[in-house]
Amino acid sequence: MPLSNFARQVAGLILLLSLVFPTSFTAFKTVALVLPLGCLLVGGGGVGRLDKRLICAAMVFSFIGLGWSLYGTVVGNLGALRVLNVMVVYPVLFTILAMLYRGDSHGLERLLVFAGLLIVMIDLGFVLGEIVLPGNPLGATLRALYGDEAVVDHGAGYLKFTLPNVSSVIFLLSFMLCRIICQRINLTGLVTFLGLVLVVLLSGRRVILVTAIFGPVIAYCMSWGAPGGRGSALFKVGLSVSGAIFLAAFMYSLWPEYIYERVSSIFEFGAGASNLERTYQFVALMDGIYAHPFWGAGAGAVADYIRSEEMPWAYELFYVALIFQYGLLGFSIYAMGVFLLMVFLAREVRRKGRDSFEFYYLCGLISFLLATATNPYLAKFDYMWVLFVPVALLNHRLIESVDRNLAHGH
């Protein structure tokens, strides 16, 4: 097997595991990550190429992370060194891995669809198994992997479960919805989408109900003027929405009071334990921002309110915490980088049309970024692929442009 193909298959396996089993198999993922990096070093240009502008941008983000961690260390912030991996190492590491991508968006699309189908099978199998046969092998395996993070809670009037991979559904639900709308409907895609809807309803993750709508709407507006997808989009939208409504109605008929409480509490910011928790965090973080608006309090800083005794510098309000620790200056630089990736995807959609992988990905990316406002997903290794897949797409596009200019003698 050629070195480049082996490296891509290993990278694909790591991506699949990050989607289906986030926060687990950490040691395996770390060791496996060394393999494609080693292939890049050994294979050199035979494996892939990296645009100089991207590596320079990655170095800028890493230096910002390093600078603010040094600043945090000087002022005595507890988490200043603990965030070095995410803010310093990963920007360069994942940008280097972008060399592995050779323009096979169909392969990436198939991987994401397969990951969605696996999540549906595992999660629904976990729920059904715990109800019918408690202590079954699947449930025992997931509890061994995740401990208290793998739970099925059910009673006479409610049912709720939790698994870490539900966070991946935030991206995949919008991705699959837009794929169904803009492509010819196939059985696998439709079953995966409806299965993901059912996973969301059973998990009680309220934020997904909002992001699944607003992500595609924002993506559509950003790519205004792009050619539409193939086939009857109106029919596909109607069919998808009807399926989602049918499942929601079925769930409501089983547990009306519980479903009503979960949906209505989305916008009740002053009530409920989770909403009150975020309110306390917001007030404390804003006090810190007022004290250090431009430079921030430094990486790993802790506000007056502590959410976690183990990691007191970690907060659910990710963007507010980022401003608190990195200031308006640092936050603006990071935000500009993410915004430029979104602009790149939108331009690709206008060039290729809405039946392109880039449009589906843009919908999922925006949904995930919206959800990150209330959960620090991007502060974890297993979710950073959301940003670095577009980096790989951008690198391939830039390399193509350079080669084309060289061919024309520019």
Protein backbone atom coordinates (compact mmCIF):
# COMPACT_ATOMS: atom_id res chain seq x y z
CA MET A 1 0.00 0.00 0.00
CA PRO A 2 1.44 3.41 -0.93
CA LEU A 3 2.53 5.52 2.04
CA SER A 4 0.07 8.31 1.19
CA ASN A 5 -2.94 5.97 1.10
CA PHE A 6 -1.98 4.43 4.43
CA ALA A 7 -1.65 7.86 6.03
CA ARG A 8 -5.07 8.92 4.73
CA GLN A 9 -6.75 5.75 5.97
CA VAL A 10 -5.29 6.22 9.46
CA ALA A 11 -6.40 9.87 9.49
CA GLY A 12 -9.87 8.77 8.36
CA LEU A 13 -10.02 6.21 11.17
CA ILE A 14 -9.11 8.87 13.75
CA LEU A 15 -11.83 11.16 12.38
CA LEU A 16 -14.39 8.34 12.50
CA LEU A 17 -13.47 7.49 16.10
CA SER A 18 -13.65 11.15 17.10
CA LEU A 19 -17.17 11.34 15.70
CA VAL A 20 -18.56 8.06 17.03
CA PHE A 21 -16.52 7.67 20.23
CA PRO A 22 -15.43 11.16 21.33
CA THR A 23 -13.45 11.48 24.59
CA SER A 24 -12.60 7.75 24.49
CA PHE A 25 -9.76 5.63 23.01
CA THR A 26 -7.55 8.64 23.78
CA ALA A 27 -4.31 6.66 23.96
CA PHE A 28 -5.05 4.87 20.69
CA LYS A 29 -5.91 8.14 18.92
CA THR A 30 -2.71 9.75 20.18
CA VAL A 31 -0.55 6.87 18.96
CA ALA A 32 -2.48 6.60 15.69
CA LEU A 33 -2.03 10.32 15.08
CA VAL A 34 1.74 9.82 15.06
CA LEU A 35 1.47 7.46 12.08
CA PRO A 36 0.18 9.93 9.44
CA LEU A 37 2.57 12.58 10.80
CA GLY A 38 5.44 10.13 10.39
CA CYS A 39 4.30 9.35 6.86
CA LEU A 40 4.31 13.05 6.02
CA LEU A 41 7.85 13.42 7.32
CA VAL A 42 9.13 10.29 5.58
CA GLY A 43 7.15 10.73 2.38
CA GLY A 44 7.77 14.45 1.99
CA GLY A 45 6.23 15.87 -1.18
CA GLY A 46 5.09 12.42 -2.27
CA VAL A 47 2.41 12.46 0.42
CA GLY A 48 1.13 15.98 0.06
CA ARG A 49 1.88 19.69 -0.04
CA LEU A 50 1.02 22.54 2.28
CA ASP A 51 0.39 26.11 1.20
CA LYS A 52 2.83 28.49 2.90
CA ARG A 53 0.08 30.97 3.74
CA LEU A 54 -1.78 28.37 5.78
CA ILE A 55 1.23 27.27 7.78
CA CYS A 56 2.03 30.93 8.49
CA ALA A 57 -1.54 31.46 9.71
CA ALA A 58 -1.28 28.35 11.90
CA MET A 59 1.97 29.65 13.39
CA VAL A 60 0.30 32.99 14.16
CA PHE A 61 -2.53 31.26 16.07
CA SER A 62 -0.02 29.07 17.92
CA PHE A 63 2.09 32.08 18.91
CA ILE A 64 -1.01 33.85 20.18
CA GLY A 65 -1.86 30.82 22.30
CA LEU A 66 1.72 30.61 23.56
CA GLY A 67 1.89 34.33 24.33
CA TRP A 68 -1.33 34.32 26.33
CA SER A 69 -0.28 31.16 28.18
CA LEU A 70 3.00 32.83 29.18
CA TYR A 71 1.01 35.86 30.27
CA GLY A 72 -1.30 33.59 32.26
CA THR A 73 1.68 31.83 33.86
CA VAL A 74 3.20 35.14 34.94
CA VAL A 75 -0.02 36.28 36.63
CA GLY A 76 -0.53 32.84 38.22
CA ASN A 77 -3.51 31.47 36.27
CA LEU A 78 -4.21 27.85 37.21
CA GLY A 79 -4.89 26.58 33.69
CA ALA A 80 -2.28 28.58 31.76
CA LEU A 81 -0.18 25.52 30.91
CA ARG A 82 -3.06 23.05 30.69
CA VAL A 83 -4.46 24.74 27.55
CA LEU A 84 -1.18 24.64 25.61
CA ASN A 85 -2.20 21.55 23.60
CA VAL A 86 -5.41 23.08 22.30
CA MET A 87 -4.16 26.62 21.72
CA VAL A 88 -0.53 26.01 20.69
CA VAL A 89 0.04 22.47 19.42
CA TYR A 90 -3.20 21.65 17.61
CA PRO A 91 -3.29 24.60 15.16
CA VAL A 92 0.05 23.57 13.66
CA LEU A 93 -0.53 19.83 14.02
CA PHE A 94 -3.87 19.74 12.21
CA THR A 95 -2.70 22.18 9.54
CA ILE A 96 0.16 19.81 8.72
CA LEU A 97 -2.33 16.95 8.48
CA ALA A 98 -4.22 19.00 5.87
CA MET A 99 -1.54 17.83 3.43
CA LEU A 100 -3.23 14.42 3.37
CA TYR A 101 -6.37 15.69 1.64
CA ARG A 102 -6.28 15.31 -2.16
CA GLY A 103 -9.70 16.61 -3.14
CA ASP A 104 -11.77 13.49 -2.39
CA SER A 105 -14.82 15.25 -0.95
CA HIS A 106 -17.00 12.25 -1.83
CA GLY A 107 -14.85 10.10 0.44
CA LEU A 108 -15.24 12.59 3.29
CA GLU A 109 -18.98 12.73 2.66
CA ARG A 110 -19.31 8.95 2.80
CA LEU A 111 -17.30 8.87 6.04
CA LEU A 112 -19.59 11.44 7.70
CA VAL A 113 -22.74 9.61 6.57
CA PHE A 114 -21.30 6.32 7.84
CA ALA A 115 -20.44 7.96 11.17
CA GLY A 116 -24.00 9.24 11.47
CA LEU A 117 -25.41 5.80 10.76
CA LEU A 118 -23.09 4.22 13.34
CA ILE A 119 -24.14 6.77 15.97
CA VAL A 120 -27.81 6.04 15.28
CA MET A 121 -27.28 2.27 15.58
CA ILE A 122 -25.17 2.53 18.75
CA ASP A 123 -27.30 5.11 20.54
CA LEU A 124 -30.70 3.62 19.74
CA GLY A 125 -29.34 0.15 20.45
CA PHE A 126 -28.06 1.42 23.81
CA VAL A 127 -31.43 2.91 24.73
CA LEU A 128 -33.48 -0.09 23.60
CA GLY A 129 -31.08 -2.54 25.19
CA GLU A 130 -31.14 -0.84 28.58
CA ILE A 131 -34.94 -0.84 28.58
CA VAL A 132 -35.44 -4.43 27.39
CA LEU A 133 -32.33 -6.14 28.77
CA PRO A 134 -30.37 -4.12 31.38
CA GLY A 135 -26.72 -5.10 31.59
CA ASN A 136 -26.52 -6.20 27.93
CA PRO A 137 -23.05 -6.27 26.28
CA LEU A 138 -23.49 -2.98 24.39
CA GLY A 139 -24.60 -1.10 27.51
CA ALA A 140 -21.83 -2.66 29.60
CA THR A 141 -19.22 -1.70 26.99
CA LEU A 142 -20.40 1.92 26.75
CA ARG A 143 -20.50 2.28 30.53
CA ALA A 144 -16.98 0.86 30.73
CA LEU A 145 -15.87 3.50 28.21
CA TYR A 146 -17.78 6.48 29.59
CA GLY A 147 -18.83 5.69 33.16
CA ASP A 148 -21.46 8.17 34.35
CA GLU A 149 -21.58 9.77 30.88
CA ALA A 150 -23.47 6.72 29.53
CA VAL A 151 -26.93 6.77 31.08
CA VAL A 152 -30.47 5.73 30.14
CA ASP A 153 -33.02 7.28 32.49
CA HIS A 154 -36.62 6.20 31.97
CA GLY A 155 -39.83 5.99 33.92
CA ALA A 156 -43.58 6.08 33.48
CA GLY A 157 -43.68 9.53 31.92
CA TYR A 158 -40.25 10.15 30.44
CA LEU A 159 -37.18 8.70 28.74
CA LYS A 160 -33.80 10.33 28.38
CA PHE A 161 -30.32 9.07 27.61
CA THR A 162 -26.88 10.58 27.32
CA LEU A 163 -23.71 9.61 25.46
CA PRO A 164 -20.80 11.88 24.46
CA ASN A 165 -21.36 11.21 20.74
CA VAL A 166 -24.65 13.13 20.86
CA SER A 167 -22.44 16.23 20.51
CA SER A 168 -21.41 14.98 17.05
CA VAL A 169 -25.10 14.93 16.12
CA ILE A 170 -25.14 18.74 16.37
CA PHE A 171 -23.01 18.81 13.22
CA LEU A 172 -24.35 15.68 11.54
CA LEU A 173 -28.05 16.51 11.80
CA SER A 174 -27.68 19.77 9.84
CA PHE A 175 -25.21 18.10 7.46
CA MET A 176 -27.65 15.28 6.67
CA LEU A 177 -30.67 17.60 6.43
CA CYS A 178 -29.01 19.76 3.78
CA ARG A 179 -27.69 16.70 1.98
CA ILE A 180 -31.23 15.31 1.70
CA ILE A 181 -32.60 18.64 0.52
CA CYS A 182 -29.99 19.19 -2.17
CA GLN A 183 -29.34 15.67 -3.44
CA ARG A 184 -31.41 12.80 -4.71
CA ILE A 185 -32.90 11.04 -1.71
CA ASN A 186 -31.45 7.61 -0.97
CA LEU A 187 -32.57 5.16 1.67
CA THR A 188 -29.34 5.27 3.68
CA GLY A 189 -29.35 9.06 3.89
CA LEU A 190 -33.02 9.24 4.82
CA VAL A 191 -32.75 6.52 7.50
CA THR A 192 -29.65 8.18 8.94
CA PHE A 193 -31.33 11.59 9.09
CA LEU A 194 -34.52 10.31 10.71
CA GLY A 195 -32.45 8.22 13.11
CA LEU A 196 -30.45 11.30 14.12
CA VAL A 197 -33.71 13.19 14.72
CA LEU A 198 -34.85 10.38 17.02
CA VAL A 199 -31.50 10.44 18.84
CA VAL A 200 -31.92 14.18 19.46
CA LEU A 201 -35.46 13.76 20.77
CA LEU A 202 -34.48 10.95 23.11
CA SER A 203 -31.38 12.74 24.39
CA GLY A 204 -33.26 15.89 25.39
CA ARG A 205 -30.41 18.07 24.05
CA ARG A 206 -32.46 21.20 23.55
CA VAL A 207 -29.78 23.24 21.81
CA ILE A 208 -29.80 20.89 18.79
CA LEU A 209 -33.44 21.76 18.13
CA VAL A 210 -32.35 25.38 17.61
CA THR A 211 -29.04 24.90 15.79
CA ALA A 212 -30.50 22.37 13.33
CA ILE A 213 -32.73 25.16 12.02
CA PHE A 214 -30.51 28.22 12.25
CA GLY A 215 -27.34 26.59 10.89
CA PRO A 216 -28.77 25.81 7.44
CA VAL A 217 -30.60 29.16 7.29
CA ILE A 218 -27.39 31.11 7.98
CA ALA A 219 -25.45 28.91 5.52
CA TYR A 220 -28.08 29.57 2.85
CA CYS A 221 -27.80 33.33 3.41
CA MET A 222 -23.99 33.24 3.33
CA SER A 223 -24.05 31.39 -0.01
CA TRP A 224 -26.75 33.60 -1.53
CA GLY A 225 -26.75 33.35 -5.31
CA ALA A 226 -25.39 29.81 -5.46
CA PRO A 227 -27.04 27.35 -7.87
CA GLY A 228 -29.66 25.12 -6.22
CA GLY A 229 -29.40 21.41 -5.69
CA ARG A 230 -30.69 18.76 -8.08
CA GLY A 231 -34.28 17.61 -8.08
CA SER A 232 -37.35 18.98 -6.36
CA ALA A 233 -36.00 20.74 -3.29
CA LEU A 234 -39.47 21.66 -2.10
CA PHE A 235 -40.54 18.02 -2.10
CA LYS A 236 -37.43 16.99 -0.21
CA VAL A 237 -37.85 19.70 2.40
CA GLY A 238 -41.47 18.71 2.88
CA LEU A 239 -40.60 15.03 3.19
CA SER A 240 -37.77 15.67 5.67
CA VAL A 241 -39.81 18.06 7.79
CA SER A 242 -42.79 15.71 7.73
CA GLY A 243 -40.61 12.86 8.96
CA ALA A 244 -39.20 14.99 11.76
CA ILE A 245 -42.69 16.19 12.76
CA PHE A 246 -43.98 12.61 12.72
CA LEU A 247 -41.22 11.48 15.08
CA ALA A 248 -41.71 14.53 17.33
CA ALA A 249 -45.47 13.91 17.44
CA PHE A 250 -44.90 10.24 18.26
CA MET A 251 -42.55 11.15 21.12
CA TYR A 252 -45.00 13.78 22.38
CA SER A 253 -47.84 11.28 22.40
CA LEU A 254 -45.78 8.99 24.65
CA TRP A 255 -44.41 11.62 27.05
CA PRO A 256 -46.34 14.89 26.51
CA GLU A 257 -45.45 16.65 29.75
CA TYR A 258 -41.77 15.78 29.56
CA ILE A 259 -41.40 16.81 25.90
CA TYR A 260 -43.26 20.06 26.55
CA GLU A 261 -40.98 20.86 29.50
CA ARG A 262 -37.79 20.16 27.49
CA VAL A 263 -38.83 22.33 24.54
CA SER A 264 -40.38 25.20 26.53
CA SER A 265 -37.36 25.44 28.83
CA ILE A 266 -35.05 26.31 25.92
CA PHE A 267 -35.87 29.99 26.29
CA GLU A 268 -36.40 30.08 30.07
CA PHE A 269 -32.99 31.49 30.92
CA GLY A 270 -33.90 32.38 34.48
CA ALA A 271 -35.11 28.93 35.51
CA GLY A 272 -33.70 25.43 35.50
CA ALA A 273 -30.41 24.27 36.97
CA SER A 274 -28.43 24.38 33.70
CA ASN A 275 -29.74 27.82 32.71
CA LEU A 276 -29.04 29.26 36.17
CA GLU A 277 -25.55 27.76 36.06
CA ARG A 278 -24.82 29.56 32.81
CA THR A 279 -26.30 32.79 34.17
CA TYR A 280 -23.86 32.71 37.11
CA GLN A 281 -20.99 32.01 34.73
CA PHE A 282 -22.00 34.86 32.43
CA VAL A 283 -22.13 37.42 35.24
CA ALA A 284 -18.73 36.37 36.62
CA LEU A 285 -17.07 36.28 33.20
CA MET A 286 -18.46 39.67 32.23
CA ASP A 287 -17.06 41.17 35.44
CA GLY A 288 -13.67 39.81 34.41
CA ILE A 289 -14.04 41.21 30.88
CA TYR A 290 -14.83 44.67 32.25
CA ALA A 291 -11.65 44.50 34.36
CA HIS A 292 -9.39 43.43 31.43
CA PRO A 293 -11.24 44.14 28.17
CA PHE A 294 -8.38 44.40 25.66
CA TRP A 295 -5.76 41.85 26.71
CA GLY A 296 -7.97 39.66 28.88
CA ALA A 297 -6.99 37.95 32.11
CA GLY A 298 -4.63 35.51 30.39
CA ALA A 299 -4.98 31.88 29.32
CA GLY A 300 -6.35 29.59 32.01
CA ALA A 301 -7.74 32.44 34.11
CA VAL A 302 -10.47 31.73 36.67
CA ALA A 303 -13.43 34.07 37.17
CA ASP A 304 -15.20 34.73 40.50
CA TYR A 305 -17.58 31.83 39.81
CA ILE A 306 -16.09 28.31 39.55
CA ARG A 307 -17.97 25.69 37.54
CA SER A 308 -15.55 22.77 37.95
CA GLU A 309 -13.22 22.11 40.88
CA GLU A 310 -11.04 19.90 38.67
CA MET A 311 -10.75 22.50 35.87
CA PRO A 312 -11.81 25.85 37.38
CA TRP A 313 -10.70 27.73 34.24
CA ALA A 314 -13.20 25.81 32.03
CA TYR A 315 -16.62 27.36 31.42
CA GLU A 316 -19.63 26.33 29.36
CA LEU A 317 -19.98 29.79 27.80
CA PHE A 318 -17.05 29.19 25.49
CA TYR A 319 -16.99 32.46 23.56
CA VAL A 320 -17.52 34.64 26.62
CA ALA A 321 -14.77 32.71 28.42
CA LEU A 322 -12.48 33.19 25.41
CA ILE A 323 -12.96 36.96 25.58
CA PHE A 324 -12.42 36.88 29.35
CA GLN A 325 -9.11 35.02 29.01
CA TYR A 326 -7.76 36.29 25.66
CA GLY A 327 -9.39 39.71 25.57
CA LEU A 328 -11.11 41.37 22.66
CA LEU A 329 -7.79 41.34 20.78
CA GLY A 330 -7.15 37.60 21.00
CA PHE A 331 -10.79 36.71 20.50
CA SER A 332 -11.01 38.90 17.38
CA ILE A 333 -8.02 37.17 15.80
CA TYR A 334 -9.42 33.69 16.45
CA ALA A 335 -12.89 34.75 15.30
CA MET A 336 -11.45 36.19 12.07
CA GLY A 337 -9.75 32.88 11.29
CA VAL A 338 -12.99 30.93 11.73
CA PHE A 339 -14.97 33.53 9.78
CA LEU A 340 -12.54 33.31 6.84
CA LEU A 341 -12.99 29.53 6.75
CA MET A 342 -16.75 30.04 6.56
CA VAL A 343 -16.30 32.63 3.79
CA PHE A 344 -14.12 30.16 1.87
CA LEU A 345 -16.79 27.45 2.13
CA ALA A 346 -19.49 29.92 1.03
CA ARG A 347 -17.42 30.91 -2.02
CA GLU A 348 -16.97 27.25 -2.91
CA VAL A 349 -20.73 26.77 -2.65
CA ARG A 350 -21.34 29.70 -5.02
CA ARG A 351 -18.83 28.13 -7.41
CA LYS A 352 -20.04 24.52 -7.20
CA GLY A 353 -23.69 24.85 -6.17
CA ARG A 354 -25.72 23.80 -3.16
CA ASP A 355 -25.53 20.14 -4.10
CA SER A 356 -21.86 20.22 -3.05
CA PHE A 357 -20.11 18.79 -0.03
CA GLU A 358 -19.02 22.30 0.95
CA PHE A 359 -22.63 23.44 1.46
CA TYR A 360 -23.54 20.47 3.64
CA TYR A 361 -20.38 21.03 5.64
CA LEU A 362 -21.04 24.76 6.01
CA CYS A 363 -24.50 24.00 7.43
CA GLY A 364 -23.06 21.56 9.96
CA LEU A 365 -20.16 23.86 10.85
CA ILE A 366 -22.41 26.84 11.61
CA SER A 367 -24.74 24.67 13.69
CA PHE A 368 -21.77 23.39 15.68
CA LEU A 369 -20.38 26.88 16.21
CA LEU A 370 -23.76 28.06 17.46
CA ALA A 371 -23.93 25.17 19.94
CA THR A 372 -20.37 25.89 21.11
CA ALA A 373 -21.61 29.17 22.57
CA THR A 374 -23.05 27.20 25.52
CA ASN A 375 -20.68 24.20 25.57
CA PRO A 376 -16.86 24.25 25.19
CA TYR A 377 -16.70 21.68 22.38
CA LEU A 378 -13.85 23.38 20.53
CA ALA A 379 -11.66 23.14 23.62
CA LYS A 380 -11.45 19.35 23.13
CA PHE A 381 -9.34 17.33 20.69
CA ASP A 382 -12.23 15.15 19.50
CA TYR A 383 -14.25 18.10 18.19
CA MET A 384 -11.54 20.23 16.59
CA TRP A 385 -11.92 18.32 13.33
CA VAL A 386 -14.92 20.59 12.70
CA LEU A 387 -12.51 23.47 11.99
CA PHE A 388 -9.60 21.62 10.46
CA VAL A 389 -11.49 19.75 7.73
CA PRO A 390 -12.18 23.15 6.07
CA VAL A 391 -8.47 23.94 6.51
CA ALA A 392 -7.70 20.80 4.47
CA LEU A 393 -10.22 21.84 1.80
CA LEU A 394 -8.73 25.33 1.68
CA ASN A 395 -5.19 23.99 1.40
CA HIS A 396 -6.17 21.80 -1.55
CA ARG A 397 -7.85 24.74 -3.27
CA LEU A 398 -4.82 27.00 -2.74
CA ILE A 399 -2.42 24.35 -4.06
CA GLU A 400 -4.64 23.90 -7.14
CA SER A 401 -4.59 27.65 -7.72
CA VAL A 402 -0.80 27.82 -7.42
CA ASP A 403 -0.35 24.91 -9.84
CA ARG A 404 -2.75 26.48 -12.32
CA ASN A 405 -0.92 29.82 -12.22
CA LEU A 406 2.42 28.06 -12.73
CA ALA A 407 0.99 26.16 -15.70
CA HIS A 408 -0.08 29.44 -17.28
CA GLY A 409 3.28 31.05 -16.58
CA HIS A 410 2.00 33.54 -13.98
